[in-house]
Structure formats: C-alpha cells, structure tokens
C-alpha atoms as a PDB file:
ATOM      1  CA  MET A   1      13.532  -5.908  -9.492  1.00  0.00           C
ATOM      2  CA  ASN A   2      12.894  -2.408 -10.812  1.00  0.00           C
ATOM      3  CA  TYR A   3       9.450  -1.210  -9.752  1.00  0.00           C
ATOM      4  CA  ARG A   4       9.442   2.329 -11.170  1.00  0.00           C
ATOM      5  CA  HIS A   5       5.889   3.232 -10.319  1.00  0.00           C
ATOM      6  CA  ALA A   6       4.958   5.359 -13.327  1.00  0.00           C
ATOM      7  CA  TYR A   7       4.893   2.096 -15.308  1.00  0.00           C
ATOM      8  CA  HIS A   8       2.749   0.257 -12.774  1.00  0.00           C
ATOM      9  CA  ALA A   9       0.295   2.829 -11.379  1.00  0.00           C
ATOM     10  CA  GLY A  10      -3.232   1.484 -11.084  1.00  0.00           C
ATOM     11  CA  ASN A  11      -2.209  -2.129 -11.640  1.00  0.00           C
ATOM     12  CA  PHE A  12      -3.681  -5.064  -9.705  1.00  0.00           C
ATOM     13  CA  ALA A  13      -1.095  -4.678  -6.922  1.00  0.00           C
ATOM     14  CA  ASP A  14      -2.040  -1.011  -6.454  1.00  0.00           C
ATOM     15  CA  VAL A  15      -5.700  -1.980  -6.202  1.00  0.00           C
ATOM     16  CA  HIS A  16      -4.887  -4.640  -3.594  1.00  0.00           C
ATOM     17  CA  LYS A  17      -2.626  -2.348  -1.575  1.00  0.00           C
ATOM     18  CA  HIS A  18      -4.879   0.698  -1.724  1.00  0.00           C
ATOM     19  CA  VAL A  19      -8.031  -1.187  -0.712  1.00  0.00           C
ATOM     20  CA  ALA A  20      -6.149  -2.415   2.386  1.00  0.00           C
ATOM     21  CA  LEU A  21      -4.900   1.134   3.041  1.00  0.00           C
ATOM     22  CA  VAL A  22      -8.466   2.462   2.877  1.00  0.00           C
ATOM     23  CA  ALA A  23      -9.729  -0.298   5.190  1.00  0.00           C
ATOM     24  CA  ILE A  24      -7.115   0.556   7.831  1.00  0.00           C
ATOM     25  CA  LEU A  25      -7.778   4.296   7.642  1.00  0.00           C
ATOM     26  CA  LEU A  26     -11.523   3.759   7.994  1.00  0.00           C
ATOM     27  CA  HIS A  27     -10.790   1.862  11.206  1.00  0.00           C
ATOM     28  CA  LEU A  28      -8.559   4.635  12.546  1.00  0.00           C
ATOM     29  CA  ARG A  29     -11.307   7.182  11.881  1.00  0.00           C
ATOM     30  CA  ARG A  30     -13.705   5.377  14.205  1.00  0.00           C
ATOM     31  CA  LYS A  31     -12.070   6.990  17.246  1.00  0.00           C
ATOM     32  CA  GLU A  32     -12.170  10.764  17.688  1.00  0.00           C
ATOM     33  CA  THR A  33      -8.546  10.948  18.805  1.00  0.00           C
ATOM     34  CA  PRO A  34      -6.115  12.099  16.094  1.00  0.00           C
ATOM     35  CA  PHE A  35      -3.795   9.790  14.197  1.00  0.00           C
ATOM     36  CA  ALA A  36      -0.782  10.138  11.929  1.00  0.00           C
ATOM     37  CA  VAL A  37       0.016   8.453   8.624  1.00  0.00           C
ATOM     38  CA  ILE A  38       3.659   8.098   7.580  1.00  0.00           C
ATOM     39  CA  ASP A  39       4.311   7.051   3.983  1.00  0.00           C
ATOM     40  CA  THR A  40       7.993   6.150   3.570  1.00  0.00           C
ATOM     41  CA  HIS A  41       8.085   5.862  -0.234  1.00  0.00           C
ATOM     42  CA  ALA A  42       5.312   8.182  -1.306  1.00  0.00           C
ATOM     43  CA  GLY A  43       6.082   8.604  -5.001  1.00  0.00           C
ATOM     44  CA  ARG A  44       4.632  11.527  -6.939  1.00  0.00           C
ATOM     45  CA  GLY A  45       1.143  11.459  -5.420  1.00  0.00           C
ATOM     46  CA  ILE A  46      -0.834  11.211  -8.652  1.00  0.00           C
ATOM     47  CA  TYR A  47      -0.134   9.314 -11.873  1.00  0.00           C
ATOM     48  CA  ASP A  48      -1.133  10.097 -15.439  1.00  0.00           C
ATOM     49  CA  LEU A  49      -2.434   6.859 -16.949  1.00  0.00           C
ATOM     50  CA  SER A  50      -2.185   8.407 -20.419  1.00  0.00           C
ATOM     51  CA  SER A  51       1.585   8.954 -20.031  1.00  0.00           C
ATOM     52  CA  GLU A  52       4.084   7.140 -22.217  1.00  0.00           C
ATOM     53  CA  GLU A  53       5.232   4.973 -19.295  1.00  0.00           C
ATOM     54  CA  ALA A  54       1.726   3.887 -18.297  1.00  0.00           C
ATOM     55  CA  GLN A  55       0.677   3.275 -21.892  1.00  0.00           C
ATOM     56  CA  ARG A  56       3.793   1.239 -22.591  1.00  0.00           C
ATOM     57  CA  SER A  57       3.103  -1.188 -19.742  1.00  0.00           C
ATOM     58  CA  GLY A  58      -0.683  -1.156 -20.022  1.00  0.00           C
ATOM     59  CA  GLU A  59      -0.893  -2.459 -16.462  1.00  0.00           C
ATOM     60  CA  SER A  60      -3.722  -0.195 -15.352  1.00  0.00           C
ATOM     61  CA  GLU A  61      -5.899  -1.871 -17.994  1.00  0.00           C
ATOM     62  CA  GLU A  62      -5.413  -5.130 -16.103  1.00  0.00           C
ATOM     63  CA  GLY A  63      -5.982  -3.370 -12.770  1.00  0.00           C
ATOM     64  CA  VAL A  64      -8.155  -0.406 -11.875  1.00  0.00           C
ATOM     65  CA  ALA A  65      -9.733  -0.230 -15.363  1.00  0.00           C
ATOM     66  CA  ARG A  66     -11.309  -3.634 -14.765  1.00  0.00           C
ATOM     67  CA  LEU A  67     -13.256  -2.145 -11.853  1.00  0.00           C
ATOM     68  CA  SER A  68     -14.956   0.424 -14.088  1.00  0.00           C
ATOM     69  CA  GLY A  69     -18.684   0.372 -13.440  1.00  0.00           C
ATOM     70  CA  HIS A  70     -18.406  -2.152 -10.608  1.00  0.00           C
ATOM     71  CA  GLU A  71     -20.775  -1.518  -7.687  1.00  0.00           C
ATOM     72  CA  ALA A  72     -18.810  -2.686  -4.668  1.00  0.00           C
ATOM     73  CA  GLN A  73     -20.315  -4.491  -1.698  1.00  0.00           C
ATOM     74  CA  SER A  74     -17.235  -4.391   0.537  1.00  0.00           C
ATOM     75  CA  PRO A  75     -17.082  -1.038   2.428  1.00  0.00           C
ATOM     76  CA  ALA A  76     -13.331  -0.683   1.877  1.00  0.00           C
ATOM     77  CA  LEU A  77     -13.577  -1.431  -1.846  1.00  0.00           C
ATOM     78  CA  ALA A  78     -16.558   0.919  -2.176  1.00  0.00           C
ATOM     79  CA  LYS A  79     -14.681   3.796  -0.512  1.00  0.00           C
ATOM     80  CA  TYR A  80     -11.574   3.096  -2.602  1.00  0.00           C
ATOM     81  CA  LEU A  81     -13.615   3.274  -5.800  1.00  0.00           C
ATOM     82  CA  GLU A  82     -15.322   6.456  -4.607  1.00  0.00           C
ATOM     83  CA  ILE A  83     -11.905   8.090  -4.158  1.00  0.00           C
ATOM     84  CA  VAL A  84     -10.536   6.840  -7.493  1.00  0.00           C
ATOM     85  CA  ARG A  85     -13.659   7.998  -9.334  1.00  0.00           C
ATOM     86  CA  SER A  86     -13.378  11.474  -7.823  1.00  0.00           C
ATOM     87  CA  PHE A  87     -10.445  11.973 -10.246  1.00  0.00           C
ATOM     88  CA  ASP A  88     -10.787  11.996 -14.004  1.00  0.00           C
ATOM     89  CA  ALA A  89     -10.228   8.670 -15.717  1.00  0.00           C
ATOM     90  CA  GLN A  90      -6.638   9.342 -16.811  1.00  0.00           C
ATOM     91  CA  ASN A  91      -5.367  10.242 -13.325  1.00  0.00           C
ATOM     92  CA  TYR A  92      -4.778   7.626 -10.636  1.00  0.00           C
ATOM     93  CA  PRO A  93      -4.216   8.729  -7.014  1.00  0.00           C
ATOM     94  CA  GLY A  94      -1.248   7.246  -5.201  1.00  0.00           C
ATOM     95  CA  SER A  95      -1.198   6.363  -1.518  1.00  0.00           C
ATOM     96  CA  PRO A  96      -0.502   9.934  -0.260  1.00  0.00           C
ATOM     97  CA  LEU A  97      -3.607  11.365  -1.935  1.00  0.00           C
ATOM     98  CA  ILE A  98      -5.770   8.397  -0.951  1.00  0.00           C
ATOM     99  CA  SER A  99      -4.594   8.809   2.644  1.00  0.00           C
ATOM    100  CA  ASP A 100      -5.113  12.542   2.784  1.00  0.00           C
ATOM    101  CA  LEU A 101      -8.629  12.317   1.386  1.00  0.00           C
ATOM    102  CA  LEU A 102      -9.502  10.104   4.356  1.00  0.00           C
ATOM    103  CA  LEU A 103      -7.899  12.283   7.032  1.00  0.00           C
ATOM    104  CA  ARG A 104      -9.965  14.501   9.305  1.00  0.00           C
ATOM    105  CA  SER A 105      -8.897  17.966  10.421  1.00  0.00           C
ATOM    106  CA  GLN A 106      -7.174  16.542  13.526  1.00  0.00           C
ATOM    107  CA  ASP A 107      -5.159  13.937  11.584  1.00  0.00           C
ATOM    108  CA  ARG A 108      -1.983  14.416   9.545  1.00  0.00           C
ATOM    109  CA  LEU A 109       0.154  12.868   6.832  1.00  0.00           C
ATOM    110  CA  ALA A 110       3.945  12.827   6.437  1.00  0.00           C
ATOM    111  CA  ALA A 111       4.823  11.668   2.911  1.00  0.00           C
ATOM    112  CA  ILE A 112       8.499  11.013   2.116  1.00  0.00           C
ATOM    113  CA  GLU A 113      10.107  10.803  -1.314  1.00  0.00           C
ATOM    114  CA  LYS A 114      13.829  10.876  -2.142  1.00  0.00           C
ATOM    115  CA  HIS A 115      13.876  11.342  -5.937  1.00  0.00           C
ATOM    116  CA  PRO A 116      13.897  15.115  -6.630  1.00  0.00           C
ATOM    117  CA  GLU A 117      11.555  15.037  -9.615  1.00  0.00           C
ATOM    118  CA  GLU A 118       9.069  12.765  -7.859  1.00  0.00           C
ATOM    119  CA  TYR A 119       9.304  14.862  -4.702  1.00  0.00           C
ATOM    120  CA  ALA A 120       8.508  18.070  -6.626  1.00  0.00           C
ATOM    121  CA  ALA A 121       5.402  16.415  -8.086  1.00  0.00           C
ATOM    122  CA  LEU A 122       4.410  15.068  -4.653  1.00  0.00           C
ATOM    123  CA  ARG A 123       4.766  18.488  -3.060  1.00  0.00           C
ATOM    124  CA  ALA A 124       2.533  20.003  -5.741  1.00  0.00           C
ATOM    125  CA  ALA A 125      -0.051  17.227  -5.384  1.00  0.00           C
ATOM    126  CA  LEU A 126      -0.264  17.693  -1.614  1.00  0.00           C
ATOM    127  CA  SER A 127      -0.199  21.506  -1.636  1.00  0.00           C
ATOM    128  CA  PRO A 128      -4.020  21.856  -1.309  1.00  0.00           C
ATOM    129  CA  PHE A 129      -4.033  19.833   1.925  1.00  0.00           C
ATOM    130  CA  ALA A 130      -3.220  21.703   5.127  1.00  0.00           C
ATOM    131  CA  ASN A 131      -2.617  18.540   7.165  1.00  0.00           C
ATOM    132  CA  ALA A 132      -0.194  16.930   4.683  1.00  0.00           C
ATOM    133  CA  ARG A 133       3.569  17.426   4.603  1.00  0.00           C
ATOM    134  CA  ALA A 134       5.791  16.326   1.740  1.00  0.00           C
ATOM    135  CA  MET A 135       9.314  15.488   2.893  1.00  0.00           C
ATOM    136  CA  SER A 136      12.419  15.073   0.758  1.00  0.00           C
ATOM    137  CA  GLY A 137      14.799  12.315   1.782  1.00  0.00           C
ATOM    138  CA  ASP A 138      15.371   8.616   2.261  1.00  0.00           C
ATOM    139  CA  GLY A 139      12.221   7.078   3.692  1.00  0.00           C
ATOM    140  CA  TYR A 140      14.046   4.592   5.880  1.00  0.00           C
ATOM    141  CA  ALA A 141      16.258   7.272   7.450  1.00  0.00           C
ATOM    142  CA  GLN A 142      13.417   9.752   7.917  1.00  0.00           C
ATOM    143  CA  LEU A 143      11.150   7.176   9.559  1.00  0.00           C
ATOM    144  CA  SER A 144      13.213   6.929  12.740  1.00  0.00           C
ATOM    145  CA  ARG A 145      12.989  10.710  13.178  1.00  0.00           C
ATOM    146  CA  LEU A 146       9.209  10.689  12.967  1.00  0.00           C
ATOM    147  CA  LEU A 147       8.522   7.997  15.555  1.00  0.00           C
ATOM    148  CA  PRO A 148       6.816   7.838  17.891  1.00  0.00           C
ATOM    149  CA  PRO A 149       4.289  10.323  16.505  1.00  0.00           C
ATOM    150  CA  PRO A 150       2.874  12.828  19.007  1.00  0.00           C
ATOM    151  CA  GLU A 151      -0.592  11.376  18.367  1.00  0.00           C
ATOM    152  CA  ARG A 152       0.592   7.962  19.665  1.00  0.00           C
ATOM    153  CA  ARG A 153      -1.628   6.200  17.130  1.00  0.00           C
ATOM    154  CA  GLY A 154      -1.477   5.798  13.408  1.00  0.00           C
ATOM    155  CA  LEU A 155      -0.241   3.937  10.358  1.00  0.00           C
ATOM    156  CA  VAL A 156       3.198   3.488   8.807  1.00  0.00           C
ATOM    157  CA  LEU A 157       3.107   2.503   5.134  1.00  0.00           C
ATOM    158  CA  ILE A 158       6.354   0.942   3.866  1.00  0.00           C
ATOM    159  CA  ASP A 159       6.044   0.545   0.109  1.00  0.00           C
ATOM    160  CA  PRO A 160       9.488   0.744  -1.536  1.00  0.00           C
ATOM    161  CA  PRO A 161      10.125   0.354  -5.281  1.00  0.00           C
ATOM    162  CA  TYR A 162      12.359  -2.728  -4.783  1.00  0.00           C
ATOM    163  CA  GLU A 163      15.021  -1.297  -7.072  1.00  0.00           C
ATOM    164  CA  GLU A 164      17.955  -2.417  -4.921  1.00  0.00           C
ATOM    165  CA  ALA A 165      19.132  -5.965  -4.304  1.00  0.00           C
ATOM    166  CA  ASP A 166      19.138  -5.412  -0.523  1.00  0.00           C
ATOM    167  CA  GLU A 167      15.679  -3.803  -0.364  1.00  0.00           C
ATOM    168  CA  LEU A 168      14.077  -6.512   1.768  1.00  0.00           C
ATOM    169  CA  TYR A 169      16.956  -6.269   4.237  1.00  0.00           C
ATOM    170  CA  ARG A 170      16.461  -2.488   4.428  1.00  0.00           C
ATOM    171  CA  VAL A 171      12.720  -2.958   4.992  1.00  0.00           C
ATOM    172  CA  ALA A 172      13.393  -5.412   7.820  1.00  0.00           C
ATOM    173  CA  ALA A 173      15.992  -3.174   9.480  1.00  0.00           C
ATOM    174  CA  ALA A 174      13.826  -0.056   9.201  1.00  0.00           C
ATOM    175  CA  PHE A 175      10.822  -1.907  10.589  1.00  0.00           C
ATOM    176  CA  ALA A 176      12.758  -3.308  13.572  1.00  0.00           C
ATOM    177  CA  ASP A 177      13.943   0.180  14.511  1.00  0.00           C
ATOM    178  CA  ALA A 178      10.471   1.681  13.973  1.00  0.00           C
ATOM    179  CA  TYR A 179       8.774  -1.032  16.011  1.00  0.00           C
ATOM    180  CA  ARG A 180      11.046  -0.347  18.968  1.00  0.00           C
ATOM    181  CA  ARG A 181       9.945   3.281  18.867  1.00  0.00           C
ATOM    182  CA  PHE A 182       6.262   2.766  18.064  1.00  0.00           C
ATOM    183  CA  ALA A 183       5.227  -0.746  19.026  1.00  0.00           C
ATOM    184  CA  ASN A 184       1.482  -0.049  19.082  1.00  0.00           C
ATOM    185  CA  GLY A 185       1.368   1.458  15.598  1.00  0.00           C
ATOM    186  CA  ILE A 186      -0.161  -0.228  12.573  1.00  0.00           C
ATOM    187  CA  TYR A 187       2.353  -1.135   9.844  1.00  0.00           C
ATOM    188  CA  LEU A 188       1.413  -1.930   6.255  1.00  0.00           C
ATOM    189  CA  ILE A 189       4.276  -3.419   4.216  1.00  0.00           C
ATOM    190  CA  TRP A 190       3.894  -4.201   0.520  1.00  0.00           C
ATOM    191  CA  LEU A 191       6.120  -6.634  -1.350  1.00  0.00           C
ATOM    192  CA  PRO A 192       6.038  -8.179  -4.820  1.00  0.00           C
ATOM    193  CA  LEU A 193       5.731 -11.957  -4.654  1.00  0.00           C
ATOM    194  CA  LYS A 194       7.969 -13.580  -7.253  1.00  0.00           C
ATOM    195  CA  GLU A 195       9.334 -16.358  -5.083  1.00  0.00           C
ATOM    196  CA  ASN A 196       8.650 -17.526  -1.552  1.00  0.00           C
ATOM    197  CA  ALA A 197      12.118 -17.243  -0.027  1.00  0.00           C
ATOM    198  CA  PRO A 198      12.413 -13.418   0.246  1.00  0.00           C
ATOM    199  CA  ALA A 199       8.884 -13.110   1.657  1.00  0.00           C
ATOM    200  CA  ASP A 200       9.587 -15.862   4.177  1.00  0.00           C
ATOM    201  CA  ALA A 201      12.809 -14.157   5.208  1.00  0.00           C
ATOM    202  CA  LEU A 202      11.014 -10.852   5.811  1.00  0.00           C
ATOM    203  CA  ILE A 203       8.300 -12.576   7.841  1.00  0.00           C
ATOM    204  CA  GLY A 204      11.015 -14.170   9.963  1.00  0.00           C
ATOM    205  CA  GLU A 205      12.621 -10.768  10.569  1.00  0.00           C
ATOM    206  CA  LEU A 206       9.284  -9.270  11.634  1.00  0.00           C
ATOM    207  CA  ARG A 207       8.824 -12.091  14.110  1.00  0.00           C
ATOM    208  CA  ASN A 208      12.375 -11.590  15.391  1.00  0.00           C
ATOM    209  CA  ALA A 209      11.504  -7.938  16.046  1.00  0.00           C
ATOM    210  CA  GLY A 210       8.904  -9.129  18.559  1.00  0.00           C
ATOM    211  CA  VAL A 211       5.716  -8.713  16.550  1.00  0.00           C
ATOM    212  CA  SER A 212       2.767 -10.327  18.313  1.00  0.00           C
ATOM    213  CA  LYS A 213       0.053  -9.699  15.698  1.00  0.00           C
ATOM    214  CA  LEU A 214       0.819 -10.224  12.010  1.00  0.00           C
ATOM    215  CA  LEU A 215      -1.662 -10.641   9.174  1.00  0.00           C
ATOM    216  CA  SER A 216      -0.749 -11.652   5.613  1.00  0.00           C
ATOM    217  CA  LEU A 217      -2.848 -10.676   2.588  1.00  0.00           C
ATOM    218  CA  THR A 218      -1.998 -12.220  -0.778  1.00  0.00           C
ATOM    219  CA  LEU A 219      -3.571 -11.606  -4.171  1.00  0.00           C
ATOM    220  CA  ASP A 220      -2.367 -13.770  -7.053  1.00  0.00           C
ATOM    221  CA  VAL A 221      -4.130 -12.908 -10.313  1.00  0.00           C
ATOM    222  CA  GLY A 222      -2.622 -15.883 -12.150  1.00  0.00           C
ATOM    223  CA  ARG A 223      -1.029 -15.919 -15.578  1.00  0.00           C
ATOM    224  CA  ALA A 224      -2.574 -15.854 -19.006  1.00  0.00           C
ATOM    225  CA  ALA A 225      -1.517 -18.640 -21.383  1.00  0.00           C
ATOM    226  CA  ASN A 226       0.757 -16.373 -23.463  1.00  0.00           C
ATOM    227  CA  GLU A 227       2.045 -14.190 -20.620  1.00  0.00           C
ATOM    228  CA  PRO A 228       5.831 -13.718 -20.211  1.00  0.00           C
ATOM    229  CA  PRO A 229       7.131 -15.537 -17.104  1.00  0.00           C
ATOM    230  CA  GLY A 230       8.767 -12.414 -15.651  1.00  0.00           C
ATOM    231  CA  ASN A 231       5.524 -10.451 -15.254  1.00  0.00           C
ATOM    232  CA  LEU A 232       4.395  -9.758 -11.701  1.00  0.00           C
ATOM    233  CA  SER A 233       1.246 -11.702 -10.880  1.00  0.00           C
ATOM    234  CA  ALA A 234       1.141 -11.763  -7.068  1.00  0.00           C
ATOM    235  CA  SER A 235       0.954  -8.980  -4.490  1.00  0.00           C
ATOM    236  CA  GLY A 236       1.757  -9.462  -0.816  1.00  0.00           C
ATOM    237  CA  LEU A 237       0.809  -7.300   2.158  1.00  0.00           C
ATOM    238  CA  LEU A 238       2.053  -7.785   5.701  1.00  0.00           C
ATOM    239  CA  ILE A 239       0.088  -5.951   8.370  1.00  0.00           C
ATOM    240  CA  VAL A 240       1.460  -5.576  11.876  1.00  0.00           C
ATOM    241  CA  ASN A 241      -1.135  -4.816  14.565  1.00  0.00           C
ATOM    242  CA  PRO A 242      -4.083  -5.089  12.166  1.00  0.00           C
ATOM    243  CA  PRO A 243      -7.297  -3.448  13.383  1.00  0.00           C
ATOM    244  CA  TYR A 244     -10.062  -5.641  14.741  1.00  0.00           C
ATOM    245  CA  ALA A 245     -11.939  -7.587  12.029  1.00  0.00           C
ATOM    246  CA  LEU A 246      -9.651  -6.354   9.233  1.00  0.00           C
ATOM    247  CA  ASN A 247      -9.075  -9.970   8.231  1.00  0.00           C
ATOM    248  CA  ALA A 248     -12.799 -10.489   7.617  1.00  0.00           C
ATOM    249  CA  GLU A 249     -13.127  -7.190   5.754  1.00  0.00           C
ATOM    250  CA  MET A 250     -10.221  -7.985   3.454  1.00  0.00           C
ATOM    251  CA  ARG A 251     -11.519 -11.494   2.854  1.00  0.00           C
ATOM    252  CA  ASN A 252     -14.791  -9.955   1.638  1.00  0.00           C
ATOM    253  CA  ALA A 253     -12.890  -7.481  -0.542  1.00  0.00           C
ATOM    254  CA  GLY A 254     -10.736 -10.288  -1.938  1.00  0.00           C
ATOM    255  CA  GLU A 255     -13.799 -12.314  -2.913  1.00  0.00           C
ATOM    256  CA  GLU A 256     -15.014  -9.310  -4.922  1.00  0.00           C
ATOM    257  CA  LEU A 257     -11.671  -8.456  -6.472  1.00  0.00           C
ATOM    258  CA  LEU A 258     -10.531 -11.877  -7.630  1.00  0.00           C
ATOM    259  CA  PRO A 259     -13.174 -12.403 -10.361  1.00  0.00           C
ATOM    260  CA  LEU A 260     -12.542  -8.866 -11.617  1.00  0.00           C
ATOM    261  CA  LEU A 261      -8.736  -8.974 -11.677  1.00  0.00           C
ATOM    262  CA  HIS A 262      -7.857 -12.600 -12.468  1.00  0.00           C
ATOM    263  CA  ARG A 263      -5.672 -13.239 -15.512  1.00  0.00           C
ATOM    264  CA  GLY A 264      -5.311 -17.007 -15.362  1.00  0.00           C
ATOM    265  CA  PRO A 265      -7.000 -20.129 -13.961  1.00  0.00           C
ATOM    266  CA  GLU A 266      -4.658 -20.389 -10.965  1.00  0.00           C
ATOM    267  CA  ALA A 267      -5.665 -17.002  -9.539  1.00  0.00           C
ATOM    268  CA  SER A 268      -6.260 -16.943  -5.792  1.00  0.00           C
ATOM    269  CA  PHE A 269      -6.291 -14.760  -2.733  1.00  0.00           C
ATOM    270  CA  ALA A 270      -5.472 -15.546   0.866  1.00  0.00           C
ATOM    271  CA  VAL A 271      -5.945 -13.919   4.270  1.00  0.00           C
ATOM    272  CA  GLU A 272      -3.758 -15.614   6.848  1.00  0.00           C
ATOM    273  CA  TRP A 273      -2.754 -14.927  10.432  1.00  0.00           C
ATOM    274  CA  LEU A 274       0.987 -15.449  10.832  1.00  0.00           C
ATOM    275  CA  ALA A 275       1.033 -14.432  14.493  1.00  0.00           C
ATOM    276  CA  GLY A 276      -1.587 -13.566  17.110  1.00  0.00           C
ATOM    277  CA  ALA A 277      -4.679 -15.110  15.523  1.00  0.00           C
ATOM    278  CA  PRO A 278      -7.750 -14.238  17.631  1.00  0.00           C
END
C-alpha cells in the first residue's frame, strides 16, 4: 500500500489519529514534570489542501472538512479542532505541528523524516518552535538512539506510510527494541485496516514484546454504494500504556465523530482493551 501523505492529509484517518494524539498529550500535560514526544515518520509538518495531490484525492473533503462548524463536546476533539482552526482553511497541520502546539516550555519534540524534500519542509515548519527538533533519517533506526529519553516520560508516535511490503514487520521490530529501552513510555501506532490478518499479526508481536497494557481504537467510516473497493475506509490505532481513562475519552470522541465522518451504513467505531483491561 502506498500512503503518500500529501494525497491523504486531513482525511478521516488523520482526524482519528490526531484526536487520539491530542488526548494523550493533554494527559501528559497534567503533570508538571517534562515529557518528550518522538515522531518517527513526521512528514512535512503542514499540508496544503489546495495542492494538486490533495485536490486529486479529495480525501480531506470526506475528513476534516466535515467537521467545519461542529461544536465539539469531547475535550480531545474540541482541542483538536481549536488547533486545526488556528490555521487557514487550506492548510492542515500534521502530527509534528499538532504536538508542538501542545508542548510546554519544559517539553520537547523530536520529529524524524527520511525523504529530503519532506524533511526540508518539516524543518521549515518547525523552525519557529524552540523545543522542536527536525531530524533527517530513517525513523526506525533513529528511534533506538533516542530512547530512553532523559525526561523518562513521553510519547512515541509510529505512523509510517506503509509503502513497503515489510512495513508491519519493521514496525513490530522497531517497537520491540524501543519497548526494551523505554517500557513505561506511551506508544501510539497507526495502521490502515484493509484486512484483519496484518493487524492481528502486529498485535501478536506487541504481546510477544511483553506489553501489559494495550488499547485498540478502530474507526470504520463504511463504504458508499458506488465507492471503489480499494479505498481505505478503516483506521486502526494501537496504544501501549494508554493514560488513565483514555478509553472512555476516545469512546466519547468516537460517538461524536462517527455521524460526521460516516460514508456508508456499516460505519462503526470500537474501543477495545487487548491487554490489561482495568
């Protein structure tokens, strides 16, 4: 699967992923002690929704555009929309900018991107932020060098483009190594859900790594009657060491998002403990 993000920025999966990202960061902010955010596949930082790529796919129209004017009840969704609306309508912030806008002066962000053109854009996007560092290189390789963070608390976001056939294997291997180094960290892993087997295999690998707390968040927007079968319609998030009550917060956010983002009658969302249910 080729998930070149310029075509998909602001789509339903971005909304799902970024609301969860905001929810986790709001939890981390509740303690005064500093935390680190490591983004292994950061992309370019900000995306032009009027670009040829975005216009060709039109996916933001089925994603963030559907939230226009919505007054959110969920705190995480409300903060996400506040951040998105702080940019003009044609620009959508990626995970590095969303993260940095939620950091305090004592917190920091390490955002990694390997594609030179994307890295140059990322570096420019993060240049106004003193506590953000753009890093050029392979996110999986760089991750091991950054763990454990000196702060000893924080979030690792693993959100690859799934361009390579062995991507899920690389995610599993990178996570296992990272978890050995930073077992008390929070990990947020995104994956496109096109069939159950790859997701099940990754869940098995996370369990084999010794994970004791694992939460699954799924958003399936369903399919319209005339929609091509290859279109992505389901987004999966696996959260290792989720903060207290995140499951309830994301269930509330999911109840708000589903009526706004659904495309077909079989749309659904799920919040499920896969390990360590309280």
